[in-house]
Amino acid sequence: MSKHTPIKVTGRTRDMVIRVDKAIHRFTYHWVAFFNVLLLLMVVPIFLAPHLMATGHERLGQALYVLYAPTCHQLPERSFFLDGEKLTYSMEELTDAGMDPALSILQRKRFLGNAELGYKTLVCQRDVVIYVGLLVLGALYGLFGRRLKPLPFWAFVLLIVPLAIDGVTQAAGLRSSTPLTRTATGLCVALGSVWFAYPHIEQAMLDLRRDIVRKLHLEPDSS
């Protein structure tokens, strides 16, 4: 048999290939919902963990902090707090409430909060805004933005630059980041990511759908 001779797929193998192709065809219509479910599963524990700590379910809450530890620095002075007096606290406020100011970054990461302050979210303020922003904007894209043209790459870079400036200038000791700048830069990242990536993914899904329609002789959609 020549190496250029196509292999005919028959019997059960053919049926399985057809089922897989049909499943992929369905997925191309619902990929945004799939992404949003994954994001929702990621976002819910971010807010659930501090509530668990505040309601006495500390073992489960602590397990979630450990699970998310590799994804974020989790520094309390850069995190939102729930079930406490305020949503955010400065380093001075945290030390006044019982956090040792001599703690290292790694030790501060382990400071979860207390009954007075409330308990910090699983990830920092910027990451909270990014994840929630991706979820909300992704849902809006699924509802209203399927024909939205992708953001140009240069514009996407411009939306990322504020985050880089905020992080670099703080790391260099030139200034201190604030909850407002972390929120604003996180929102820019979420907006740029959805606006740039989702229309490209949608076009790729449309192309894939059309290929499968031609392959399986399905009824073409109106897209």
N, C-alpha and C. Protein backbone atom coordinates (compact mmCIF):
# COMPACT_ATOMS: atom_id res chain seq x y z
N MET A 1 0.85 -1.20 0.00
CA MET A 1 0.00 0.00 0.00
C MET A 1 0.88 1.24 0.00
N SER A 2 0.63 2.18 -0.90
CA SER A 2 1.40 3.42 -0.93
C SER A 2 1.12 4.24 0.31
N LYS A 3 2.16 4.95 0.71
CA LYS A 3 1.98 5.78 1.91
C LYS A 3 1.02 6.93 1.65
N HIS A 4 0.73 7.19 0.37
CA HIS A 4 -0.19 8.27 0.04
C HIS A 4 -1.63 7.78 -0.12
N THR A 5 -1.84 6.47 0.01
CA THR A 5 -3.19 5.93 -0.13
C THR A 5 -3.99 6.21 1.13
N PRO A 6 -5.15 6.87 1.02
CA PRO A 6 -5.95 7.17 2.21
C PRO A 6 -6.47 5.90 2.87
N ILE A 7 -6.52 5.93 4.19
CA ILE A 7 -7.02 4.79 4.95
C ILE A 7 -8.53 4.93 5.11
N LYS A 8 -9.28 3.92 4.71
CA LYS A 8 -10.73 3.96 4.85
C LYS A 8 -11.11 3.56 6.27
N VAL A 9 -11.96 4.38 6.89
CA VAL A 9 -12.44 4.11 8.25
C VAL A 9 -13.83 3.51 8.15
N THR A 10 -13.98 2.35 8.71
CA THR A 10 -15.26 1.64 8.60
C THR A 10 -15.69 1.12 9.96
N GLY A 11 -16.93 0.63 10.01
CA GLY A 11 -17.42 -0.04 11.19
C GLY A 11 -17.46 0.83 12.44
N ARG A 12 -17.09 0.22 13.56
CA ARG A 12 -17.16 0.91 14.85
C ARG A 12 -16.25 2.13 14.91
N THR A 13 -15.08 2.02 14.28
CA THR A 13 -14.16 3.15 14.28
C THR A 13 -14.79 4.35 13.59
N ARG A 14 -15.44 4.10 12.47
CA ARG A 14 -16.12 5.19 11.76
C ARG A 14 -17.22 5.79 12.62
N ASP A 15 -18.00 4.97 13.26
CA ASP A 15 -19.07 5.47 14.12
C ASP A 15 -18.52 6.33 15.26
N MET A 16 -17.39 5.89 15.83
CA MET A 16 -16.79 6.65 16.92
C MET A 16 -16.28 7.99 16.43
N VAL A 17 -15.65 8.00 15.25
CA VAL A 17 -15.16 9.25 14.68
C VAL A 17 -16.30 10.21 14.42
N ILE A 18 -17.41 9.68 13.91
CA ILE A 18 -18.57 10.54 13.65
C ILE A 18 -19.11 11.12 14.96
N ARG A 19 -19.20 10.29 16.01
CA ARG A 19 -19.70 10.78 17.29
C ARG A 19 -18.79 11.88 17.84
N VAL A 20 -17.48 11.68 17.72
CA VAL A 20 -16.54 12.70 18.21
C VAL A 20 -16.70 13.99 17.41
N ASP A 21 -16.81 13.87 16.11
CA ASP A 21 -16.98 15.06 15.28
C ASP A 21 -18.27 15.81 15.62
N LYS A 22 -19.33 15.06 15.87
CA LYS A 22 -20.59 15.71 16.23
C LYS A 22 -20.49 16.40 17.59
N ALA A 23 -19.76 15.78 18.52
CA ALA A 23 -19.56 16.39 19.83
C ALA A 23 -18.76 17.69 19.70
N ILE A 24 -17.73 17.66 18.86
CA ILE A 24 -16.92 18.87 18.62
C ILE A 24 -17.78 19.93 17.95
N HIS A 25 -18.63 19.51 17.03
CA HIS A 25 -19.53 20.44 16.34
C HIS A 25 -20.43 21.15 17.36
N ARG A 26 -20.98 20.40 18.31
CA ARG A 26 -21.82 21.02 19.35
C ARG A 26 -20.99 21.96 20.21
N PHE A 27 -19.75 21.53 20.54
CA PHE A 27 -18.90 22.35 21.40
C PHE A 27 -18.60 23.71 20.77
N THR A 28 -18.49 23.77 19.45
CA THR A 28 -18.17 25.03 18.80
C THR A 28 -19.25 26.09 19.03
N TYR A 29 -20.47 25.66 19.33
CA TYR A 29 -21.54 26.59 19.66
C TYR A 29 -21.49 27.03 21.12
N HIS A 30 -20.91 26.22 21.98
CA HIS A 30 -21.03 26.43 23.42
C HIS A 30 -19.69 26.63 24.13
N TRP A 31 -18.63 26.95 23.37
CA TRP A 31 -17.31 27.07 23.99
C TRP A 31 -17.25 28.20 25.01
N VAL A 32 -17.98 29.29 24.77
CA VAL A 32 -17.97 30.41 25.72
C VAL A 32 -18.58 29.97 27.06
N ALA A 33 -19.69 29.24 26.99
CA ALA A 33 -20.32 28.74 28.22
C ALA A 33 -19.37 27.80 28.95
N PHE A 34 -18.66 26.97 28.20
CA PHE A 34 -17.69 26.04 28.80
C PHE A 34 -16.60 26.82 29.53
N PHE A 35 -16.03 27.85 28.89
CA PHE A 35 -15.02 28.67 29.53
C PHE A 35 -15.57 29.33 30.78
N ASN A 36 -16.80 29.82 30.69
CA ASN A 36 -17.38 30.53 31.83
C ASN A 36 -17.63 29.60 33.01
N VAL A 37 -18.02 28.37 32.74
CA VAL A 37 -18.20 27.40 33.83
C VAL A 37 -16.87 27.14 34.52
N LEU A 38 -15.80 26.98 33.74
CA LEU A 38 -14.48 26.78 34.34
C LEU A 38 -14.07 27.98 35.19
N LEU A 39 -14.33 29.19 34.67
CA LEU A 39 -14.00 30.39 35.44
C LEU A 39 -14.83 30.49 36.70
N LEU A 40 -16.10 30.12 36.61
CA LEU A 40 -16.97 30.15 37.78
C LEU A 40 -16.46 29.20 38.85
N LEU A 41 -16.03 28.02 38.43
CA LEU A 41 -15.48 27.06 39.39
C LEU A 41 -14.20 27.58 40.04
N MET A 42 -13.49 28.45 39.34
CA MET A 42 -12.29 29.04 39.89
C MET A 42 -12.61 30.22 40.82
N VAL A 43 -13.65 30.98 40.47
CA VAL A 43 -13.98 32.21 41.19
C VAL A 43 -14.70 31.93 42.51
N VAL A 44 -15.64 30.99 42.50
CA VAL A 44 -16.44 30.74 43.70
C VAL A 44 -15.60 30.47 44.95
N PRO A 45 -14.58 29.60 44.90
CA PRO A 45 -13.78 29.35 46.10
C PRO A 45 -13.04 30.59 46.60
N ILE A 46 -12.75 31.54 45.72
CA ILE A 46 -12.04 32.76 46.12
C ILE A 46 -12.83 33.49 47.20
N PHE A 47 -14.14 33.51 47.08
CA PHE A 47 -14.99 34.19 48.05
C PHE A 47 -15.54 33.23 49.11
N LEU A 48 -15.57 31.95 48.79
CA LEU A 48 -16.08 30.97 49.74
C LEU A 48 -15.12 30.76 50.91
N ALA A 49 -13.82 30.74 50.64
CA ALA A 49 -12.83 30.44 51.68
C ALA A 49 -12.91 31.41 52.86
N PRO A 50 -12.91 32.74 52.64
CA PRO A 50 -13.02 33.64 53.81
C PRO A 50 -14.32 33.47 54.58
N HIS A 51 -15.40 33.15 53.85
CA HIS A 51 -16.68 32.93 54.55
C HIS A 51 -16.61 31.66 55.40
N LEU A 52 -15.95 30.63 54.89
CA LEU A 52 -15.78 29.41 55.67
C LEU A 52 -14.98 29.69 56.94
N MET A 53 -13.93 30.49 56.82
CA MET A 53 -13.12 30.83 57.99
C MET A 53 -13.95 31.60 59.02
N ALA A 54 -14.77 32.52 58.53
CA ALA A 54 -15.56 33.37 59.43
C ALA A 54 -16.68 32.61 60.12
N THR A 55 -17.11 31.50 59.53
CA THR A 55 -18.23 30.74 60.09
C THR A 55 -17.78 29.47 60.81
N GLY A 56 -16.49 29.38 61.08
CA GLY A 56 -15.99 28.28 61.88
C GLY A 56 -15.56 27.03 61.14
N HIS A 57 -15.61 27.06 59.81
CA HIS A 57 -15.18 25.89 59.01
C HIS A 57 -13.73 26.09 58.58
N GLU A 58 -12.87 26.22 59.58
CA GLU A 58 -11.50 26.64 59.32
C GLU A 58 -10.69 25.60 58.56
N ARG A 59 -10.89 24.34 58.84
CA ARG A 59 -10.09 23.32 58.18
C ARG A 59 -10.32 23.33 56.67
N LEU A 60 -11.57 23.42 56.27
CA LEU A 60 -11.88 23.46 54.84
C LEU A 60 -11.39 24.77 54.22
N GLY A 61 -11.59 25.86 54.95
CA GLY A 61 -11.13 27.15 54.44
C GLY A 61 -9.62 27.17 54.26
N GLN A 62 -8.88 26.69 55.21
CA GLN A 62 -7.42 26.66 55.12
C GLN A 62 -6.95 25.78 53.97
N ALA A 63 -7.67 24.70 53.71
CA ALA A 63 -7.31 23.82 52.60
C ALA A 63 -7.42 24.56 51.26
N LEU A 64 -8.42 25.43 51.15
CA LEU A 64 -8.57 26.20 49.92
C LEU A 64 -7.43 27.21 49.76
N TYR A 65 -7.01 27.83 50.86
CA TYR A 65 -5.87 28.76 50.79
C TYR A 65 -4.61 28.03 50.31
N VAL A 66 -4.40 26.84 50.82
CA VAL A 66 -3.23 26.06 50.41
C VAL A 66 -3.34 25.69 48.93
N LEU A 67 -4.55 25.33 48.49
CA LEU A 67 -4.76 24.93 47.10
C LEU A 67 -4.44 26.07 46.13
N TYR A 68 -4.80 27.30 46.51
CA TYR A 68 -4.59 28.45 45.63
C TYR A 68 -3.25 29.13 45.85
N ALA A 69 -2.49 28.71 46.85
CA ALA A 69 -1.22 29.37 47.18
C ALA A 69 -0.26 29.47 46.00
N PRO A 70 -0.13 28.44 45.15
CA PRO A 70 0.81 28.57 44.03
C PRO A 70 0.39 29.60 42.97
N THR A 71 -0.86 30.05 42.99
CA THR A 71 -1.35 30.93 41.94
C THR A 71 -1.17 32.41 42.25
N CYS A 72 -0.84 32.75 43.51
CA CYS A 72 -0.82 34.16 43.91
C CYS A 72 0.04 34.35 45.15
N HIS A 73 0.57 35.57 45.33
CA HIS A 73 1.36 35.86 46.53
C HIS A 73 0.51 35.90 47.80
N GLN A 74 -0.79 36.20 47.67
CA GLN A 74 -1.74 36.18 48.79
C GLN A 74 -1.34 37.11 49.93
N LEU A 75 -0.65 38.21 49.65
CA LEU A 75 -0.26 39.14 50.71
C LEU A 75 -1.50 39.86 51.23
N PRO A 76 -1.69 39.90 52.54
CA PRO A 76 -2.92 40.48 53.08
C PRO A 76 -3.08 41.97 52.79
N GLU A 77 -1.98 42.71 52.74
CA GLU A 77 -2.08 44.15 52.47
C GLU A 77 -2.47 44.44 51.03
N ARG A 78 -2.50 43.42 50.18
CA ARG A 78 -2.91 43.59 48.79
C ARG A 78 -4.13 42.74 48.45
N SER A 79 -4.85 42.31 49.47
CA SER A 79 -6.00 41.43 49.27
C SER A 79 -7.28 42.10 49.75
N PHE A 80 -8.41 41.65 49.23
CA PHE A 80 -9.72 42.04 49.76
C PHE A 80 -10.01 41.17 50.98
N PHE A 81 -10.75 41.73 51.93
CA PHE A 81 -11.18 41.00 53.12
C PHE A 81 -12.71 40.96 53.16
N LEU A 82 -13.24 39.81 53.54
CA LEU A 82 -14.68 39.63 53.66
C LEU A 82 -15.07 39.33 55.10
N ASP A 83 -16.31 39.66 55.43
CA ASP A 83 -16.87 39.40 56.77
C ASP A 83 -16.11 40.13 57.86
N GLY A 84 -15.56 41.29 57.53
CA GLY A 84 -14.87 42.11 58.52
C GLY A 84 -15.36 43.55 58.47
N GLU A 85 -14.60 44.45 59.10
CA GLU A 85 -15.00 45.84 59.16
C GLU A 85 -14.81 46.58 57.84
N LYS A 86 -13.76 46.20 57.09
CA LYS A 86 -13.44 46.90 55.85
C LYS A 86 -13.14 45.89 54.74
N LEU A 87 -13.15 46.40 53.52
CA LEU A 87 -12.86 45.54 52.37
C LEU A 87 -11.35 45.42 52.13
N THR A 88 -10.61 46.49 52.44
CA THR A 88 -9.16 46.48 52.28
C THR A 88 -8.51 47.10 53.51
N TYR A 89 -7.26 46.71 53.77
CA TYR A 89 -6.50 47.25 54.90
C TYR A 89 -5.08 47.58 54.46
N SER A 90 -4.56 48.68 55.01
CA SER A 90 -3.16 49.01 54.79
C SER A 90 -2.29 48.15 55.70
N MET A 91 -0.98 48.18 55.46
CA MET A 91 -0.06 47.45 56.32
C MET A 91 -0.16 47.93 57.76
N GLU A 92 -0.29 49.24 57.93
CA GLU A 92 -0.40 49.81 59.29
C GLU A 92 -1.65 49.31 60.00
N GLU A 93 -2.77 49.26 59.30
CA GLU A 93 -4.01 48.77 59.90
C GLU A 93 -3.90 47.30 60.27
N LEU A 94 -3.23 46.52 59.44
CA LEU A 94 -3.06 45.10 59.73
C LEU A 94 -2.18 44.88 60.95
N THR A 95 -1.12 45.65 61.07
CA THR A 95 -0.24 45.49 62.24
C THR A 95 -0.94 45.96 63.51
N ASP A 96 -1.74 47.02 63.41
CA ASP A 96 -2.50 47.48 64.57
C ASP A 96 -3.50 46.43 65.03
N ALA A 97 -3.95 45.58 64.09
CA ALA A 97 -4.95 44.55 64.42
C ALA A 97 -4.31 43.22 64.82
N GLY A 98 -2.99 43.18 64.90
CA GLY A 98 -2.36 41.97 65.42
C GLY A 98 -1.35 41.28 64.53
N MET A 99 -1.16 41.77 63.28
CA MET A 99 -0.16 41.15 62.43
C MET A 99 1.22 41.70 62.75
N ASP A 100 2.17 40.84 62.99
CA ASP A 100 3.52 41.24 63.33
C ASP A 100 4.17 41.96 62.15
N PRO A 101 4.61 43.24 62.30
CA PRO A 101 5.21 43.96 61.18
C PRO A 101 6.56 43.39 60.75
N ALA A 102 7.16 42.56 61.60
CA ALA A 102 8.47 41.97 61.27
C ALA A 102 8.35 40.71 60.43
N LEU A 103 7.14 40.29 60.11
CA LEU A 103 6.96 39.07 59.34
C LEU A 103 7.55 39.22 57.93
N SER A 104 8.12 38.16 57.44
CA SER A 104 8.61 38.14 56.07
C SER A 104 7.44 38.02 55.10
N ILE A 105 7.73 38.19 53.81
CA ILE A 105 6.67 38.06 52.81
C ILE A 105 6.02 36.68 52.88
N LEU A 106 6.84 35.64 53.05
CA LEU A 106 6.31 34.28 53.13
C LEU A 106 5.43 34.11 54.36
N GLN A 107 5.80 34.74 55.46
CA GLN A 107 5.01 34.63 56.69
C GLN A 107 3.72 35.44 56.58
N ARG A 108 3.80 36.61 55.93
CA ARG A 108 2.59 37.42 55.75
C ARG A 108 1.60 36.69 54.85
N LYS A 109 2.11 35.92 53.91
CA LYS A 109 1.25 35.14 53.02
C LYS A 109 0.36 34.21 53.82
N ARG A 110 0.87 33.72 54.96
CA ARG A 110 0.12 32.78 55.79
C ARG A 110 -0.87 33.47 56.72
N PHE A 111 -0.82 34.80 56.79
CA PHE A 111 -1.77 35.53 57.64
C PHE A 111 -3.11 35.62 56.90
N LEU A 112 -4.11 34.92 57.41
CA LEU A 112 -5.40 34.83 56.73
C LEU A 112 -6.39 35.89 57.18
N GLY A 113 -6.20 36.42 58.38
CA GLY A 113 -7.13 37.37 58.95
C GLY A 113 -7.58 36.94 60.32
N ASN A 114 -8.61 37.58 60.85
CA ASN A 114 -9.16 37.21 62.16
C ASN A 114 -10.60 37.71 62.23
N ALA A 115 -11.22 37.49 63.37
CA ALA A 115 -12.64 37.84 63.52
C ALA A 115 -12.87 39.34 63.38
N GLU A 116 -11.89 40.15 63.79
CA GLU A 116 -12.04 41.60 63.70
C GLU A 116 -11.88 42.11 62.27
N LEU A 117 -10.84 41.65 61.60
CA LEU A 117 -10.54 42.12 60.25
C LEU A 117 -11.42 41.46 59.19
N GLY A 118 -11.87 40.25 59.47
CA GLY A 118 -12.43 39.41 58.45
C GLY A 118 -11.31 38.54 57.88
N TYR A 119 -11.57 37.88 56.78
CA TYR A 119 -10.57 36.98 56.21
C TYR A 119 -10.35 37.33 54.74
N LYS A 120 -9.09 37.23 54.32
CA LYS A 120 -8.73 37.65 52.97
C LYS A 120 -9.24 36.66 51.92
N THR A 121 -9.44 37.18 50.71
CA THR A 121 -9.80 36.32 49.59
C THR A 121 -8.61 35.43 49.23
N LEU A 122 -8.86 34.38 48.48
CA LEU A 122 -7.81 33.42 48.17
C LEU A 122 -6.69 34.02 47.33
N VAL A 123 -7.01 35.04 46.54
CA VAL A 123 -6.00 35.69 45.71
C VAL A 123 -6.07 37.20 45.92
N CYS A 124 -5.04 37.90 45.45
CA CYS A 124 -4.93 39.33 45.69
C CYS A 124 -6.02 40.12 44.95
N GLN A 125 -6.07 41.42 45.26
CA GLN A 125 -7.09 42.28 44.67
C GLN A 125 -7.05 42.27 43.14
N ARG A 126 -5.85 42.39 42.58
CA ARG A 126 -5.73 42.42 41.13
C ARG A 126 -6.23 41.13 40.49
N ASP A 127 -5.85 39.99 41.09
CA ASP A 127 -6.27 38.71 40.53
C ASP A 127 -7.77 38.50 40.67
N VAL A 128 -8.35 38.96 41.78
CA VAL A 128 -9.81 38.88 41.94
C VAL A 128 -10.50 39.60 40.80
N VAL A 129 -10.04 40.83 40.53
CA VAL A 129 -10.66 41.62 39.46
C VAL A 129 -10.46 40.97 38.10
N ILE A 130 -9.27 40.40 37.85
CA ILE A 130 -9.02 39.73 36.58
C ILE A 130 -9.96 38.55 36.40
N TYR A 131 -10.05 37.67 37.41
CA TYR A 131 -10.87 36.47 37.28
C TYR A 131 -12.35 36.81 37.17
N VAL A 132 -12.82 37.71 38.03
CA VAL A 132 -14.24 38.09 37.97
C VAL A 132 -14.51 38.84 36.66
N GLY A 133 -13.56 39.68 36.24
CA GLY A 133 -13.72 40.40 34.98
C GLY A 133 -13.81 39.47 33.79
N LEU A 134 -12.95 38.45 33.75
CA LEU A 134 -13.02 37.47 32.67
C LEU A 134 -14.36 36.76 32.66
N LEU A 135 -14.88 36.44 33.84
CA LEU A 135 -16.17 35.75 33.94
C LEU A 135 -17.31 36.63 33.45
N VAL A 136 -17.37 37.87 33.94
CA VAL A 136 -18.46 38.77 33.58
C VAL A 136 -18.38 39.17 32.11
N LEU A 137 -17.19 39.56 31.67
CA LEU A 137 -17.04 39.98 30.28
C LEU A 137 -17.22 38.80 29.33
N GLY A 138 -16.81 37.61 29.76
CA GLY A 138 -17.03 36.42 28.94
C GLY A 138 -18.51 36.13 28.79
N ALA A 139 -19.26 36.31 29.88
CA ALA A 139 -20.72 36.10 29.80
C ALA A 139 -21.36 37.12 28.87
N LEU A 140 -20.91 38.38 28.97
CA LEU A 140 -21.45 39.42 28.09
C LEU A 140 -21.10 39.13 26.63
N TYR A 141 -19.90 38.62 26.41
CA TYR A 141 -19.51 38.28 25.04
C TYR A 141 -20.40 37.16 24.50
N GLY A 142 -20.67 36.17 25.32
CA GLY A 142 -21.52 35.07 24.90
C GLY A 142 -22.93 35.53 24.57
N LEU A 143 -23.41 36.55 25.27
CA LEU A 143 -24.77 37.02 25.05
C LEU A 143 -24.88 38.02 23.90
N PHE A 144 -23.88 38.91 23.79
CA PHE A 144 -24.04 40.04 22.86
C PHE A 144 -22.89 40.23 21.87
N GLY A 145 -21.76 39.57 22.10
CA GLY A 145 -20.58 39.97 21.34
C GLY A 145 -20.06 38.99 20.33
N ARG A 146 -20.86 38.04 19.90
CA ARG A 146 -20.35 37.00 19.01
C ARG A 146 -19.79 37.56 17.71
N ARG A 147 -20.27 38.70 17.26
CA ARG A 147 -19.79 39.29 16.01
C ARG A 147 -18.82 40.45 16.25
N LEU A 148 -18.36 40.58 17.49
CA LEU A 148 -17.40 41.63 17.84
C LEU A 148 -16.07 41.38 17.14
N LYS A 149 -15.51 42.42 16.53
CA LYS A 149 -14.21 42.30 15.89
C LYS A 149 -13.11 42.28 16.95
N PRO A 150 -12.05 41.48 16.74
CA PRO A 150 -10.99 41.39 17.75
C PRO A 150 -10.26 42.70 17.95
N LEU A 151 -9.85 42.96 19.15
CA LEU A 151 -9.04 44.12 19.48
C LEU A 151 -7.68 43.99 18.79
N PRO A 152 -7.16 45.03 18.16
CA PRO A 152 -5.82 44.94 17.56
C PRO A 152 -4.78 44.61 18.64
N PHE A 153 -3.74 43.91 18.22
CA PHE A 153 -2.73 43.47 19.18
C PHE A 153 -2.08 44.64 19.88
N TRP A 154 -1.83 45.73 19.16
CA TRP A 154 -1.19 46.89 19.80
C TRP A 154 -2.08 47.48 20.90
N ALA A 155 -3.39 47.44 20.69
CA ALA A 155 -4.31 47.95 21.70
C ALA A 155 -4.35 47.03 22.92
N PHE A 156 -4.26 45.72 22.65
CA PHE A 156 -4.18 44.75 23.74
C PHE A 156 -2.93 45.01 24.60
N VAL A 157 -1.80 45.27 23.95
CA VAL A 157 -0.57 45.56 24.67
C VAL A 157 -0.73 46.82 25.51
N LEU A 158 -1.37 47.85 24.95
CA LEU A 158 -1.59 49.09 25.70
C LEU A 158 -2.41 48.85 26.97
N LEU A 159 -3.35 47.91 26.90
CA LEU A 159 -4.15 47.62 28.09
C LEU A 159 -3.38 46.84 29.13
N ILE A 160 -2.31 46.14 28.71
CA ILE A 160 -1.47 45.39 29.65
C ILE A 160 -0.41 46.27 30.29
N VAL A 161 0.01 47.32 29.58
CA VAL A 161 1.11 48.17 30.05
C VAL A 161 0.87 48.76 31.44
N PRO A 162 -0.34 49.25 31.77
CA PRO A 162 -0.53 49.80 33.12
C PRO A 162 -0.21 48.80 34.23
N LEU A 163 -0.55 47.53 34.03
CA LEU A 163 -0.23 46.52 35.03
C LEU A 163 1.29 46.40 35.20
N ALA A 164 2.00 46.38 34.08
CA ALA A 164 3.46 46.27 34.13
C ALA A 164 4.06 47.47 34.84
N ILE A 165 3.57 48.66 34.54
CA ILE A 165 4.09 49.87 35.18
C ILE A 165 3.81 49.84 36.68
N ASP A 166 2.60 49.46 37.04
CA ASP A 166 2.21 49.41 38.46
C ASP A 166 3.10 48.42 39.22
N GLY A 167 3.31 47.25 38.63
CA GLY A 167 4.11 46.23 39.30
C GLY A 167 5.59 46.59 39.38
N VAL A 168 6.14 47.09 38.27
CA VAL A 168 7.58 47.39 38.22
C VAL A 168 7.93 48.56 39.13
N THR A 169 7.13 49.62 39.10
CA THR A 169 7.44 50.79 39.93
C THR A 169 7.32 50.47 41.42
N GLN A 170 6.38 49.58 41.76
CA GLN A 170 6.28 49.19 43.17
C GLN A 170 7.46 48.31 43.58
N ALA A 171 7.83 47.35 42.72
CA ALA A 171 8.96 46.48 43.02
C ALA A 171 10.25 47.27 43.15
N ALA A 172 10.37 48.36 42.39
CA ALA A 172 11.58 49.19 42.43
C ALA A 172 11.57 50.16 43.60
N GLY A 173 10.48 50.21 44.34
CA GLY A 173 10.40 51.11 45.49
C GLY A 173 10.12 52.55 45.12
N LEU A 174 9.66 52.80 43.90
CA LEU A 174 9.40 54.17 43.46
C LEU A 174 8.06 54.68 43.95
N ARG A 175 7.14 53.77 44.21
CA ARG A 175 5.80 54.16 44.65
C ARG A 175 5.12 52.94 45.24
N SER A 176 3.97 53.14 45.84
CA SER A 176 3.21 52.03 46.40
C SER A 176 1.93 51.84 45.59
N SER A 177 1.68 50.60 45.23
CA SER A 177 0.42 50.28 44.55
C SER A 177 -0.73 50.47 45.54
N THR A 178 -1.91 50.76 45.02
CA THR A 178 -3.09 50.97 45.86
C THR A 178 -4.20 50.05 45.41
N PRO A 179 -5.22 49.85 46.24
CA PRO A 179 -6.37 49.04 45.81
C PRO A 179 -6.99 49.55 44.51
N LEU A 180 -7.00 50.89 44.33
CA LEU A 180 -7.58 51.46 43.12
C LEU A 180 -6.76 51.10 41.89
N THR A 181 -5.43 51.23 41.97
CA THR A 181 -4.60 50.90 40.80
C THR A 181 -4.62 49.41 40.51
N ARG A 182 -4.66 48.58 41.56
CA ARG A 182 -4.73 47.14 41.32
C ARG A 182 -6.05 46.76 40.66
N THR A 183 -7.13 47.39 41.10
CA THR A 183 -8.44 47.12 40.51
C THR A 183 -8.48 47.58 39.05
N ALA A 184 -7.98 48.80 38.81
CA ALA A 184 -8.02 49.35 37.46
C ALA A 184 -7.17 48.54 36.49
N THR A 185 -5.96 48.17 36.91
CA THR A 185 -5.08 47.41 36.01
C THR A 185 -5.61 45.99 35.80
N GLY A 186 -6.21 45.41 36.81
CA GLY A 186 -6.81 44.09 36.65
C GLY A 186 -7.96 44.12 35.67
N LEU A 187 -8.76 45.17 35.74
CA LEU A 187 -9.89 45.30 34.82
C LEU A 187 -9.40 45.49 33.38
N CYS A 188 -8.31 46.24 33.21
CA CYS A 188 -7.73 46.42 31.87
C CYS A 188 -7.27 45.09 31.29
N VAL A 189 -6.65 44.26 32.12
CA VAL A 189 -6.18 42.95 31.65
C VAL A 189 -7.36 42.07 31.24
N ALA A 190 -8.40 42.05 32.07
CA ALA A 190 -9.58 41.23 31.75
C ALA A 190 -10.24 41.70 30.47
N LEU A 191 -10.41 43.02 30.34
CA LEU A 191 -11.05 43.58 29.14
C LEU A 191 -10.23 43.27 27.90
N GLY A 192 -8.91 43.51 27.97
CA GLY A 192 -8.05 43.26 26.82
C GLY A 192 -8.02 41.80 26.44
N SER A 193 -8.00 40.91 27.43
CA SER A 193 -7.92 39.47 27.16
C SER A 193 -9.16 38.97 26.44
N VAL A 194 -10.35 39.36 26.93
CA VAL A 194 -11.59 38.91 26.31
C VAL A 194 -11.76 39.52 24.93
N TRP A 195 -11.53 40.82 24.82
CA TRP A 195 -11.74 41.52 23.56
C TRP A 195 -10.76 41.07 22.49
N PHE A 196 -9.53 40.72 22.89
CA PHE A 196 -8.54 40.27 21.92
C PHE A 196 -8.72 38.79 21.58
N ALA A 197 -8.84 37.95 22.59
CA ALA A 197 -8.78 36.50 22.37
C ALA A 197 -10.12 35.91 21.92
N TYR A 198 -11.23 36.31 22.54
CA TYR A 198 -12.49 35.64 22.28
C TYR A 198 -12.95 35.73 20.81
N PRO A 199 -12.85 36.90 20.15
CA PRO A 199 -13.24 36.91 18.73
C PRO A 199 -12.38 36.01 17.86
N HIS A 200 -11.09 35.88 18.18
CA HIS A 200 -10.23 34.96 17.43
C HIS A 200 -10.65 33.52 17.66
N ILE A 201 -10.98 33.19 18.91
CA ILE A 201 -11.44 31.83 19.20
C ILE A 201 -12.76 31.56 18.50
N GLU A 202 -13.64 32.54 18.50
CA GLU A 202 -14.94 32.39 17.83
C GLU A 202 -14.76 32.11 16.35
N GLN A 203 -13.82 32.82 15.71
CA GLN A 203 -13.58 32.59 14.29
C GLN A 203 -13.01 31.20 14.06
N ALA A 204 -12.11 30.76 14.94
CA ALA A 204 -11.55 29.42 14.82
C ALA A 204 -12.64 28.36 14.99
N MET A 205 -13.57 28.59 15.92
CA MET A 205 -14.67 27.65 16.12
C MET A 205 -15.60 27.63 14.91
N LEU A 206 -15.82 28.78 14.31
CA LEU A 206 -16.68 28.86 13.12
C LEU A 206 -16.04 28.09 11.96
N ASP A 207 -14.74 28.25 11.78
CA ASP A 207 -14.04 27.52 10.72
C ASP A 207 -14.11 26.01 10.96
N LEU A 208 -13.90 25.62 12.21
CA LEU A 208 -13.96 24.20 12.56
C LEU A 208 -15.35 23.64 12.33
N ARG A 209 -16.36 24.41 12.69
CA ARG A 209 -17.75 23.98 12.50
C ARG A 209 -18.07 23.75 11.03
N ARG A 210 -17.61 24.66 10.19
CA ARG A 210 -17.86 24.53 8.76
C ARG A 210 -17.14 23.32 8.18
N ASP A 211 -15.94 23.05 8.66
CA ASP A 211 -15.21 21.86 8.20
C ASP A 211 -15.96 20.59 8.55
N ILE A 212 -16.51 20.55 9.77
CA ILE A 212 -17.23 19.35 10.21
C ILE A 212 -18.54 19.21 9.44
N VAL A 213 -19.21 20.34 9.17
CA VAL A 213 -20.44 20.30 8.38
C VAL A 213 -20.17 19.70 7.01
N ARG A 214 -19.10 20.14 6.37
CA ARG A 214 -18.76 19.59 5.05
C ARG A 214 -18.38 18.12 5.14
N LYS A 215 -17.68 17.77 6.19
CA LYS A 215 -17.22 16.39 6.36
C LYS A 215 -18.36 15.43 6.61
N LEU A 216 -19.33 15.84 7.43
CA LEU A 216 -20.41 14.94 7.83
C LEU A 216 -21.71 15.20 7.03
N HIS A 217 -21.68 16.21 6.15
CA HIS A 217 -22.88 16.55 5.36
C HIS A 217 -24.04 16.92 6.28
N LEU A 218 -23.71 17.71 7.33
CA LEU A 218 -24.77 18.18 8.23
C LEU A 218 -25.44 19.39 7.60
N GLU A 219 -26.59 19.78 8.19
CA GLU A 219 -27.26 20.99 7.74
C GLU A 219 -26.40 22.17 8.14
N PRO A 220 -25.95 23.03 7.22
CA PRO A 220 -25.12 24.16 7.59
C PRO A 220 -25.88 25.16 8.43
N ASP A 221 -25.15 25.83 9.35
CA ASP A 221 -25.79 26.85 10.16
C ASP A 221 -25.79 28.16 9.39
N SER A 222 -26.44 29.16 9.95
CA SER A 222 -26.60 30.43 9.24
C SER A 222 -25.46 31.40 9.51
N SER A 223 -24.42 30.96 10.28
CA SER A 223 -23.33 31.87 10.63
C SER A 223 -22.53 32.26 9.38
